[in-house]
C-alpha atoms as a PDB file:
ATOM      1  CA  MET A   1       0.000   0.000   0.000  1.00  0.00           C
ATOM      2  CA  PRO A   2       1.509   3.405  -0.933  1.00  0.00           C
ATOM      3  CA  PRO A   3       1.858   6.037   1.814  1.00  0.00           C
ATOM      4  CA  ARG A   4      -1.243   8.217   2.101  1.00  0.00           C
ATOM      5  CA  THR A   5      -0.900  11.863   1.111  1.00  0.00           C
ATOM      6  CA  SER A   6      -2.790  15.006   2.040  1.00  0.00           C
ATOM      7  CA  PRO A   7      -3.186  18.359   0.230  1.00  0.00           C
ATOM      8  CA  THR A   8      -2.419  20.058   3.546  1.00  0.00           C
ATOM      9  CA  LEU A   9       1.150  18.755   3.535  1.00  0.00           C
ATOM     10  CA  SER A  10       2.200  20.836   0.520  1.00  0.00           C
ATOM     11  CA  ALA A  11       1.278  24.051   2.331  1.00  0.00           C
ATOM     12  CA  VAL A  12       4.803  24.428   3.753  1.00  0.00           C
ATOM     13  CA  PRO A  13       7.456  25.101   1.067  1.00  0.00           C
ATOM     14  CA  ASP A  14      11.194  25.181   1.808  1.00  0.00           C
ATOM     15  CA  ASP A  15      11.287  28.944   2.271  1.00  0.00           C
ATOM     16  CA  ALA A  16       8.083  29.267   4.315  1.00  0.00           C
ATOM     17  CA  ALA A  17       8.073  32.064   6.866  1.00  0.00           C
ATOM     18  CA  VAL A  18       7.373  29.811   9.820  1.00  0.00           C
ATOM     19  CA  PRO A  19       8.671  30.195  13.413  1.00  0.00           C
ATOM     20  CA  TRP A  20      11.579  27.747  13.356  1.00  0.00           C
ATOM     21  CA  SER A  21      13.026  26.627  16.691  1.00  0.00           C
ATOM     22  CA  PRO A  22      16.209  24.557  17.137  1.00  0.00           C
ATOM     23  CA  VAL A  23      15.725  20.933  18.202  1.00  0.00           C
ATOM     24  CA  GLY A  24      17.735  19.315  20.989  1.00  0.00           C
ATOM     25  CA  GLN A  25      19.013  15.835  20.232  1.00  0.00           C
ATOM     26  CA  HIS A  26      17.159  14.387  23.230  1.00  0.00           C
ATOM     27  CA  LEU A  27      13.907  15.129  21.357  1.00  0.00           C
ATOM     28  CA  VAL A  28      14.862  12.632  18.632  1.00  0.00           C
ATOM     29  CA  HIS A  29      16.136  10.051  21.142  1.00  0.00           C
ATOM     30  CA  LYS A  30      19.759  10.061  19.997  1.00  0.00           C
ATOM     31  CA  ALA A  31      22.744  10.183  22.324  1.00  0.00           C
ATOM     32  CA  ALA A  32      25.345  10.617  19.554  1.00  0.00           C
ATOM     33  CA  ALA A  33      25.252  14.093  17.985  1.00  0.00           C
ATOM     34  CA  ALA A  34      26.556  12.724  14.678  1.00  0.00           C
ATOM     35  CA  GLU A  35      23.368  10.650  14.332  1.00  0.00           C
ATOM     36  CA  VAL A  36      20.961  13.608  14.622  1.00  0.00           C
ATOM     37  CA  LEU A  37      19.324  14.598  11.319  1.00  0.00           C
ATOM     38  CA  VAL A  38      16.645  17.039  12.524  1.00  0.00           C
ATOM     39  CA  THR A  39      17.841  20.610  13.117  1.00  0.00           C
ATOM     40  CA  ASP A  40      14.694  22.753  13.536  1.00  0.00           C
ATOM     41  CA  PHE A  41      10.963  22.406  14.180  1.00  0.00           C
ATOM     42  CA  ALA A  42       7.932  24.592  13.472  1.00  0.00           C
ATOM     43  CA  ALA A  43       4.298  24.041  14.461  1.00  0.00           C
ATOM     44  CA  VAL A  44       2.596  25.534  11.390  1.00  0.00           C
ATOM     45  CA  THR A  45      -0.981  24.830  12.508  1.00  0.00           C
ATOM     46  CA  PRO A  46      -2.448  22.643  15.267  1.00  0.00           C
ATOM     47  CA  THR A  47      -2.568  19.796  12.740  1.00  0.00           C
ATOM     48  CA  LEU A  48       0.570  20.430  10.668  1.00  0.00           C
ATOM     49  CA  ALA A  49       4.260  20.628  11.522  1.00  0.00           C
ATOM     50  CA  ALA A  50       7.448  21.263   9.571  1.00  0.00           C
ATOM     51  CA  VAL A  51      10.825  19.766  10.405  1.00  0.00           C
ATOM     52  CA  ALA A  52      14.106  20.984   8.878  1.00  0.00           C
ATOM     53  CA  THR A  53      16.727  18.304   8.380  1.00  0.00           C
ATOM     54  CA  ARG A  54      20.360  18.175   7.355  1.00  0.00           C
ATOM     55  CA  TRP A  55      21.586  14.980   5.728  1.00  0.00           C
ATOM     56  CA  PRO A  56      25.251  14.023   6.186  1.00  0.00           C
ATOM     57  CA  ALA A  57      27.614  14.094   3.212  1.00  0.00           C
ATOM     58  CA  ALA A  58      29.313  10.957   4.493  1.00  0.00           C
ATOM     59  CA  HIS A  59      28.015   8.359   6.928  1.00  0.00           C
ATOM     60  CA  PRO A  60      28.744   4.650   7.469  1.00  0.00           C
ATOM     61  CA  ARG A  61      25.067   3.704   7.087  1.00  0.00           C
ATOM     62  CA  TYR A  62      23.217   6.539   5.342  1.00  0.00           C
ATOM     63  CA  ASP A  63      23.701   7.392   1.689  1.00  0.00           C
ATOM     64  CA  ARG A  64      22.534  10.403  -0.325  1.00  0.00           C
ATOM     65  CA  ARG A  65      22.884   8.486  -3.605  1.00  0.00           C
ATOM     66  CA  THR A  66      19.301   7.906  -4.721  1.00  0.00           C
ATOM     67  CA  GLY A  67      18.108   4.366  -5.249  1.00  0.00           C
ATOM     68  CA  THR A  68      20.469   2.812  -2.726  1.00  0.00           C
ATOM     69  CA  ALA A  69      19.625   0.915   0.449  1.00  0.00           C
ATOM     70  CA  GLY A  70      21.422   3.593   2.460  1.00  0.00           C
ATOM     71  CA  HIS A  71      19.280   6.327   0.916  1.00  0.00           C
ATOM     72  CA  LEU A  72      15.984   4.687   1.887  1.00  0.00           C
ATOM     73  CA  LEU A  73      17.416   4.061   5.363  1.00  0.00           C
ATOM     74  CA  LEU A  74      18.219   7.784   5.572  1.00  0.00           C
ATOM     75  CA  LEU A  75      14.645   8.651   4.579  1.00  0.00           C
ATOM     76  CA  ALA A  76      13.200   6.216   7.125  1.00  0.00           C
ATOM     77  CA  GLU A  77      15.372   7.617   9.930  1.00  0.00           C
ATOM     78  CA  THR A  78      14.375  11.159   8.934  1.00  0.00           C
ATOM     79  CA  ILE A  79      10.728  10.149   9.341  1.00  0.00           C
ATOM     80  CA  ARG A  80      11.416   8.440  12.679  1.00  0.00           C
ATOM     81  CA  GLN A  81      13.185  11.512  14.088  1.00  0.00           C
ATOM     82  CA  ALA A  82      10.548  13.898  12.721  1.00  0.00           C
ATOM     83  CA  GLY A  83       7.795  11.802  14.310  1.00  0.00           C
ATOM     84  CA  LEU A  84       9.462  11.771  17.724  1.00  0.00           C
ATOM     85  CA  CYS A  85      10.158  15.504  17.607  1.00  0.00           C
ATOM     86  CA  LEU A  86       6.527  16.218  16.701  1.00  0.00           C
ATOM     87  CA  ALA A  87       5.290  13.901  19.464  1.00  0.00           C
ATOM     88  CA  HIS A  88       7.092  15.924  22.119  1.00  0.00           C
ATOM     89  CA  LEU A  89       6.765  19.472  20.743  1.00  0.00           C
ATOM     90  CA  GLN A  90       3.296  19.413  19.178  1.00  0.00           C
ATOM     91  CA  LEU A  91       1.360  16.508  20.675  1.00  0.00           C
ATOM     92  CA  GLY A  92       2.740  17.135  24.161  1.00  0.00           C
ATOM     93  CA  ILE A  93       3.933  13.587  24.879  1.00  0.00           C
ATOM     94  CA  PRO A  94       6.476  13.875  27.718  1.00  0.00           C
ATOM     95  CA  VAL A  95      10.155  13.165  27.191  1.00  0.00           C
ATOM     96  CA  GLY A  96      10.876   9.844  28.891  1.00  0.00           C
ATOM     97  CA  GLU A  97       7.900   7.972  27.478  1.00  0.00           C
ATOM     98  CA  GLN A  98       8.781   4.955  25.360  1.00  0.00           C
ATOM     99  CA  PHE A  99       7.797   4.809  21.703  1.00  0.00           C
ATOM    100  CA  ILE A 100       6.833   1.675  19.785  1.00  0.00           C
ATOM    101  CA  PHE A 101       6.719   1.960  15.999  1.00  0.00           C
ATOM    102  CA  HIS A 102       4.157  -0.245  14.268  1.00  0.00           C
ATOM    103  CA  ARG A 103       4.813   0.710  10.653  1.00  0.00           C
ATOM    104  CA  ILE A 104       7.083   2.843   8.469  1.00  0.00           C
ATOM    105  CA  ALA A 105       6.464   3.260   4.742  1.00  0.00           C
ATOM    106  CA  VAL A 106       8.385   5.542   2.385  1.00  0.00           C
ATOM    107  CA  ARG A 107       8.354   5.957  -1.382  1.00  0.00           C
ATOM    108  CA  LEU A 108      10.404   8.155  -3.678  1.00  0.00           C
ATOM    109  CA  ALA A 109       8.189  10.738  -5.384  1.00  0.00           C
ATOM    110  CA  ALA A 110       9.552  10.056  -8.870  1.00  0.00           C
ATOM    111  CA  PRO A 111      11.670   7.458 -10.648  1.00  0.00           C
ATOM    112  CA  VAL A 112      15.249   7.447  -9.452  1.00  0.00           C
ATOM    113  CA  ALA A 113      16.527   8.697 -12.800  1.00  0.00           C
ATOM    114  CA  ALA A 114      14.228  11.742 -12.593  1.00  0.00           C
ATOM    115  CA  LEU A 115      15.304  12.671  -9.052  1.00  0.00           C
ATOM    116  CA  GLY A 116      18.993  12.863  -9.883  1.00  0.00           C
ATOM    117  CA  GLU A 117      22.021  10.928  -8.756  1.00  0.00           C
ATOM    118  CA  THR A 118      22.500  12.585  -5.365  1.00  0.00           C
ATOM    119  CA  ALA A 119      19.919  13.776  -2.868  1.00  0.00           C
ATOM    120  CA  PRO A 120      20.180  17.298  -1.395  1.00  0.00           C
ATOM    121  CA  ASP A 121      21.802  17.843   1.975  1.00  0.00           C
ATOM    122  CA  ARG A 122      18.960  20.003   3.363  1.00  0.00           C
ATOM    123  CA  THR A 123      15.267  19.137   3.277  1.00  0.00           C
ATOM    124  CA  VAL A 124      11.995  20.183   4.862  1.00  0.00           C
ATOM    125  CA  THR A 125       9.754  17.395   6.139  1.00  0.00           C
ATOM    126  CA  THR A 126       6.082  18.247   6.596  1.00  0.00           C
ATOM    127  CA  VAL A 127       4.092  16.045   8.950  1.00  0.00           C
ATOM    128  CA  GLU A 128       0.324  15.809   9.433  1.00  0.00           C
ATOM    129  CA  PRO A 129      -0.453  13.699  12.525  1.00  0.00           C
ATOM    130  CA  THR A 130      -3.655  11.844  13.319  1.00  0.00           C
ATOM    131  CA  PRO A 131      -3.212  11.404  17.076  1.00  0.00           C
ATOM    132  CA  ARG A 132      -4.443   8.456  19.094  1.00  0.00           C
ATOM    133  CA  TYR A 133      -5.457   8.954  22.713  1.00  0.00           C
ATOM    134  CA  ARG A 134      -5.349   6.963  25.935  1.00  0.00           C
ATOM    135  CA  VAL A 135      -7.433   8.207  28.870  1.00  0.00           C
ATOM    136  CA  GLY A 136      -7.807  11.555  27.151  1.00  0.00           C
ATOM    137  CA  ARG A 137      -4.070  12.080  26.542  1.00  0.00           C
ATOM    138  CA  PRO A 138      -2.061  11.738  23.301  1.00  0.00           C
ATOM    139  CA  ALA A 139      -0.457   8.294  23.104  1.00  0.00           C
ATOM    140  CA  GLY A 140       0.917   8.128  19.578  1.00  0.00           C
ATOM    141  CA  ALA A 141      -0.190   8.955  16.057  1.00  0.00           C
ATOM    142  CA  VAL A 142      -0.428   7.956  12.432  1.00  0.00           C
ATOM    143  CA  LEU A 143       1.687  10.365  10.380  1.00  0.00           C
ATOM    144  CA  ALA A 144       1.296  11.463   6.767  1.00  0.00           C
ATOM    145  CA  VAL A 145       4.670  12.817   5.636  1.00  0.00           C
ATOM    146  CA  GLU A 146       6.234  14.626   2.692  1.00  0.00           C
ATOM    147  CA  ILE A 147       9.931  15.358   2.257  1.00  0.00           C
ATOM    148  CA  ARG A 148      10.740  18.350   0.034  1.00  0.00           C
ATOM    149  CA  HIS A 149      13.737  20.266  -1.243  1.00  0.00           C
ATOM    150  CA  GLY A 150      13.409  23.697  -2.801  1.00  0.00           C
ATOM    151  CA  GLY A 151       9.653  23.168  -2.952  1.00  0.00           C
ATOM    152  CA  ASP A 152      10.041  19.977  -4.986  1.00  0.00           C
ATOM    153  CA  LEU A 153       8.568  16.774  -3.595  1.00  0.00           C
ATOM    154  CA  TRP A 154      11.291  14.203  -2.884  1.00  0.00           C
ATOM    155  CA  ALA A 155       9.424  11.424  -1.052  1.00  0.00           C
ATOM    156  CA  THR A 156       6.100  10.580   0.583  1.00  0.00           C
ATOM    157  CA  ALA A 157       5.768   8.477   3.696  1.00  0.00           C
ATOM    158  CA  GLU A 158       3.565   7.216   6.480  1.00  0.00           C
ATOM    159  CA  ALA A 159       4.391   6.087  10.002  1.00  0.00           C
ATOM    160  CA  ASP A 160       2.372   4.659  12.872  1.00  0.00           C
ATOM    161  CA  TYR A 161       3.596   4.648  16.477  1.00  0.00           C
ATOM    162  CA  SER A 162       2.382   4.441  20.065  1.00  0.00           C
ATOM    163  CA  SER A 163       3.845   5.822  23.275  1.00  0.00           C
ATOM    164  CA  VAL A 164       3.650   4.309  26.749  1.00  0.00           C
ATOM    165  CA  PRO A 165       4.839   5.533  30.152  1.00  0.00           C
ATOM    166  CA  ARG A 166       8.228   4.189  31.169  1.00  0.00           C
ATOM    167  CA  ARG A 167       6.804   2.159  34.061  1.00  0.00           C
ATOM    168  CA  VAL A 168       4.397   0.385  31.673  1.00  0.00           C
ATOM    169  CA  TYR A 169       7.183  -0.327  29.216  1.00  0.00           C
ATOM    170  CA  ASP A 170       9.417  -1.657  31.985  1.00  0.00           C
ATOM    171  CA  ARG A 171       6.732  -4.153  32.994  1.00  0.00           C
ATOM    172  CA  LEU A 172       6.179  -5.138  29.372  1.00  0.00           C
ATOM    173  CA  ARG A 173       9.872  -5.809  28.776  1.00  0.00           C
ATOM    174  CA  ALA A 174      10.952  -7.092  32.208  1.00  0.00           C
ATOM    175  CA  SER A 175      11.511 -10.702  31.147  1.00  0.00           C
ATOM    176  CA  ALA A 176      13.579  -9.717  28.092  1.00  0.00           C
ATOM    177  CA  ARG A 177      15.798  -7.398  30.136  1.00  0.00           C
ATOM    178  CA  ASP A 178      16.724 -10.286  32.411  1.00  0.00           C
ATOM    179  CA  HIS A 179      18.586 -11.718  29.417  1.00  0.00           C
ATOM    180  CA  ALA A 180      20.032  -8.842  27.414  1.00  0.00           C
ATOM    181  CA  THR A 181      20.369  -5.055  27.260  1.00  0.00           C
ATOM    182  CA  ALA A 182      22.662  -3.428  24.700  1.00  0.00           C
ATOM    183  CA  GLY A 183      24.409  -0.162  25.580  1.00  0.00           C
ATOM    184  CA  SER A 184      24.223  -0.800  29.322  1.00  0.00           C
ATOM    185  CA  GLY A 185      27.800  -2.001  29.702  1.00  0.00           C
ATOM    186  CA  ARG A 186      26.637  -5.538  30.454  1.00  0.00           C
ATOM    187  CA  PRO A 187      27.554  -8.271  27.970  1.00  0.00           C
ATOM    188  CA  VAL A 188      24.775  -9.518  25.694  1.00  0.00           C
ATOM    189  CA  PRO A 189      24.696 -13.294  25.149  1.00  0.00           C
ATOM    190  CA  SER A 190      25.534 -14.334  21.602  1.00  0.00           C
ATOM    191  CA  PRO A 191      22.594 -15.680  19.619  1.00  0.00           C
ATOM    192  CA  ARG A 192      22.468 -19.457  19.600  1.00  0.00           C
ATOM    193  CA  ASP A 193      23.841 -21.092  16.461  1.00  0.00           C
ATOM    194  CA  ALA A 194      21.036 -21.660  13.969  1.00  0.00           C
ATOM    195  CA  GLY A 195      22.762 -23.282  11.012  1.00  0.00           C
ATOM    196  CA  PRO A 196      24.070 -21.781   7.735  1.00  0.00           C
ATOM    197  CA  ASP A 197      24.088 -17.991   7.327  1.00  0.00           C
ATOM    198  CA  ARG A 198      22.381 -18.083   3.908  1.00  0.00           C
ATOM    199  CA  ARG A 199      20.108 -20.453   2.034  1.00  0.00           C
ATOM    200  CA  THR A 200      17.731 -20.372  -0.948  1.00  0.00           C
ATOM    201  CA  GLN A 201      14.613 -22.487  -1.298  1.00  0.00           C
ATOM    202  CA  ALA A 202      11.708 -22.252  -3.763  1.00  0.00           C
ATOM    203  CA  GLY A 203      12.778 -18.800  -4.935  1.00  0.00           C
ATOM    204  CA  VAL A 204      13.026 -17.351  -1.410  1.00  0.00           C
ATOM    205  CA  GLU A 205      16.426 -16.294  -0.044  1.00  0.00           C
ATOM    206  CA  ARG A 206      16.985 -16.522   3.702  1.00  0.00           C
ATOM    207  CA  SER A 207      20.042 -14.922   5.300  1.00  0.00           C
ATOM    208  CA  ARG A 208      21.279 -14.245   8.814  1.00  0.00           C
ATOM    209  CA  VAL A 209      21.095 -10.671  10.113  1.00  0.00           C
ATOM    210  CA  LEU A 210      24.510  -9.656  11.434  1.00  0.00           C
ATOM    211  CA  VAL A 211      24.275  -7.442  14.509  1.00  0.00           C
ATOM    212  CA  ASP A 212      27.119  -5.180  15.679  1.00  0.00           C
ATOM    213  CA  LEU A 213      26.264  -3.979  19.186  1.00  0.00           C
ATOM    214  CA  ALA A 214      29.011  -1.327  18.906  1.00  0.00           C
ATOM    215  CA  ASP A 215      27.361   0.349  15.881  1.00  0.00           C
ATOM    216  CA  PRO A 216      26.557   3.933  17.006  1.00  0.00           C
ATOM    217  CA  THR A 217      23.792   4.345  14.416  1.00  0.00           C
ATOM    218  CA  PHE A 218      21.644   1.722  16.121  1.00  0.00           C
ATOM    219  CA  PHE A 219      23.147   1.385  19.615  1.00  0.00           C
ATOM    220  CA  ASP A 220      24.121   4.893  20.737  1.00  0.00           C
ATOM    221  CA  HIS A 221      21.953   4.470  23.852  1.00  0.00           C
ATOM    222  CA  GLU A 222      20.667   1.609  25.975  1.00  0.00           C
ATOM    223  CA  VAL A 223      18.077  -0.641  24.311  1.00  0.00           C
ATOM    224  CA  ASP A 224      16.547  -3.991  25.252  1.00  0.00           C
ATOM    225  CA  HIS A 225      15.690  -5.128  21.698  1.00  0.00           C
ATOM    226  CA  LEU A 226      16.948  -4.862  18.142  1.00  0.00           C
ATOM    227  CA  PRO A 227      15.984  -1.349  16.986  1.00  0.00           C
ATOM    228  CA  GLY A 228      13.470  -0.994  14.188  1.00  0.00           C
ATOM    229  CA  MET A 229      15.949   0.947  12.067  1.00  0.00           C
ATOM    230  CA  LEU A 230      18.387  -1.973  12.264  1.00  0.00           C
ATOM    231  CA  LEU A 231      15.627  -4.247  10.995  1.00  0.00           C
ATOM    232  CA  ILE A 232      14.857  -1.839   8.150  1.00  0.00           C
ATOM    233  CA  ASP A 233      18.560  -1.727   7.292  1.00  0.00           C
ATOM    234  CA  ALA A 234      18.663  -5.537   7.205  1.00  0.00           C
ATOM    235  CA  VAL A 235      15.630  -5.671   4.902  1.00  0.00           C
ATOM    236  CA  LEU A 236      17.042  -3.054   2.524  1.00  0.00           C
ATOM    237  CA  THR A 237      20.486  -4.678   2.441  1.00  0.00           C
ATOM    238  CA  ALA A 238      18.972  -8.070   1.648  1.00  0.00           C
ATOM    239  CA  ALA A 239      16.655  -6.595  -1.012  1.00  0.00           C
ATOM    240  CA  ALA A 240      19.531  -4.762  -2.697  1.00  0.00           C
ATOM    241  CA  ALA A 241      21.583  -7.976  -2.799  1.00  0.00           C
ATOM    242  CA  ARG A 242      18.638  -9.918  -4.198  1.00  0.00           C
ATOM    243  CA  ALA A 243      17.830  -7.274  -6.841  1.00  0.00           C
ATOM    244  CA  GLY A 244      21.419  -7.032  -8.076  1.00  0.00           C
ATOM    245  CA  SER A 245      23.887  -4.194  -8.618  1.00  0.00           C
ATOM    246  CA  GLY A 246      21.988  -2.593 -11.512  1.00  0.00           C
ATOM    247  CA  ALA A 247      18.682  -2.271  -9.659  1.00  0.00           C
ATOM    248  CA  ALA A 248      17.448   0.783  -7.759  1.00  0.00           C
ATOM    249  CA  LEU A 249      15.340   0.720  -4.600  1.00  0.00           C
ATOM    250  CA  ALA A 250      12.381   3.115  -4.742  1.00  0.00           C
ATOM    251  CA  GLY A 251      10.426   2.430  -1.557  1.00  0.00           C
ATOM    252  CA  ILE A 252       9.863   0.317   1.514  1.00  0.00           C
ATOM    253  CA  ASP A 253       6.816  -0.568   3.621  1.00  0.00           C
ATOM    254  CA  VAL A 254       7.494  -2.489   6.848  1.00  0.00           C
ATOM    255  CA  THR A 255       5.090  -3.500   9.622  1.00  0.00           C
ATOM    256  CA  PHE A 256       6.576  -4.483  12.983  1.00  0.00           C
ATOM    257  CA  ASP A 257       4.719  -7.397  14.601  1.00  0.00           C
ATOM    258  CA  ARG A 258       6.673  -7.783  17.851  1.00  0.00           C
ATOM    259  CA  PHE A 259       9.979  -6.963  19.520  1.00  0.00           C
ATOM    260  CA  ALA A 260      13.107  -8.545  18.037  1.00  0.00           C
ATOM    261  CA  GLU A 261      15.233  -9.820  20.932  1.00  0.00           C
ATOM    262  CA  LEU A 262      18.952  -9.107  21.174  1.00  0.00           C
ATOM    263  CA  ASP A 263      20.074 -12.624  22.063  1.00  0.00           C
ATOM    264  CA  ARG A 264      18.202 -14.628  19.415  1.00  0.00           C
ATOM    265  CA  PRO A 265      19.223 -15.361  15.807  1.00  0.00           C
ATOM    266  CA  THR A 266      17.415 -13.115  13.336  1.00  0.00           C
ATOM    267  CA  TRP A 267      16.771 -14.023   9.714  1.00  0.00           C
ATOM    268  CA  VAL A 268      15.641 -11.950   6.743  1.00  0.00           C
ATOM    269  CA  ARG A 269      13.694 -13.546   3.879  1.00  0.00           C
ATOM    270  CA  THR A 270      13.309 -12.009   0.418  1.00  0.00           C
ATOM    271  CA  GLY A 271      11.216 -13.300  -2.456  1.00  0.00           C
ATOM    272  CA  PRO A 272       8.786 -12.247  -5.187  1.00  0.00           C
ATOM    273  CA  ALA A 273       5.912 -10.037  -4.011  1.00  0.00           C
ATOM    274  CA  PRO A 274       2.626 -11.603  -5.177  1.00  0.00           C
ATOM    275  CA  GLY A 275      -0.557  -9.733  -5.998  1.00  0.00           C
ATOM    276  CA  THR A 276       0.959  -6.455  -7.202  1.00  0.00           C
ATOM    277  CA  ASP A 277       1.517  -4.814 -10.578  1.00  0.00           C
ATOM    278  CA  GLU A 278       4.619  -3.046  -9.253  1.00  0.00           C
ATOM    279  CA  GLN A 279       8.090  -4.511  -9.331  1.00  0.00           C
ATOM    280  CA  ALA A 280       8.705  -5.406  -5.705  1.00  0.00           C
ATOM    281  CA  LEU A 281      10.174  -7.926  -3.298  1.00  0.00           C
ATOM    282  CA  ALA A 282       8.348  -9.431  -0.335  1.00  0.00           C
ATOM    283  CA  VAL A 283      10.446  -9.264   2.833  1.00  0.00           C
ATOM    284  CA  ALA A 284      10.160 -10.720   6.332  1.00  0.00           C
ATOM    285  CA  LEU A 285      12.299 -10.783   9.454  1.00  0.00           C
ATOM    286  CA  GLU A 286      12.052 -13.827  11.686  1.00  0.00           C
ATOM    287  CA  GLN A 287      13.115 -15.001  15.116  1.00  0.00           C
ATOM    288  CA  GLY A 288      12.245 -18.495  16.245  1.00  0.00           C
ATOM    289  CA  SER A 289       9.100 -19.799  14.585  1.00  0.00           C
ATOM    290  CA  GLY A 290       7.472 -16.503  13.653  1.00  0.00           C
ATOM    291  CA  PRO A 291       7.940 -13.072  12.059  1.00  0.00           C
ATOM    292  CA  VAL A 292       9.014  -9.945  13.910  1.00  0.00           C
ATOM    293  CA  ALA A 293       8.465  -7.704  10.879  1.00  0.00           C
ATOM    294  CA  ARG A 294       7.184  -8.018   7.322  1.00  0.00           C
ATOM    295  CA  GLY A 295       6.558  -5.944   4.242  1.00  0.00           C
ATOM    296  CA  ARG A 296       7.920  -5.228   0.816  1.00  0.00           C
ATOM    297  CA  VAL A 297      10.627  -3.255  -0.973  1.00  0.00           C
ATOM    298  CA  LEU A 298       9.698  -1.439  -4.187  1.00  0.00           C
ATOM    299  CA  LEU A 299      12.204  -1.583  -7.058  1.00  0.00           C
ATOM    300  CA  GLY A 300      12.552   1.238  -9.532  1.00  0.00           C
END
């Protein structure tokens, strides 16, 4: 399903005279300053926000070359940070609450060849939230998103997340934390051996997700599960390998079904996406006997 769009989103061009305010890195939940993409925030209306972002020229994970796995990862992280910033500054969700993303979908606004070889370093992300409430208070939102440069549409996106108080999250994750917490200084048990790292069967490729707990992009602060952005990176990397060096990646749509645990083997499956006229790959991430995330990667 493509990300939903809204006419309201295009009301904020790059040079809009809106009251920009600088964004502290704690509002995007990053401890490492080098990982912060969002620079400024503006509440345009009660139902529309604008977020200014600066994309790095060089980064070990992100890539401004359009059509690459690293470029879609950069777009997805931009959306994640914009959504968190909006949650705190516009929806009023307190800093310290825990956020659980249910879905992230992003699609380039035009074919890769039409967008150009390299993405701009500065963009404006407009976000229209549809909040959800718990006991009369905001507790997450569905976001319709557009990313623009110089007034030109670069990508459309949608995200869905919930927030819960820290004490509720701690109860939810208590059993997992007894086993593993990355970034806490305590060692995390290695995942149990689960056989070969790669295999192909009936047109579906299955490969092991390699996890580096010292990677500052994903583990710059304490976490008790594999971060969603790491899972998106694994999906995009596997899709790019499956598609081949001449193929471009034009979009991704991933739904997160449950937490991916740190100390369990994680596998990514890629195969043909049935039931669609678009050129795409079906993707799934698995731990144990079931999926932790699923979706598809659009080729283009």
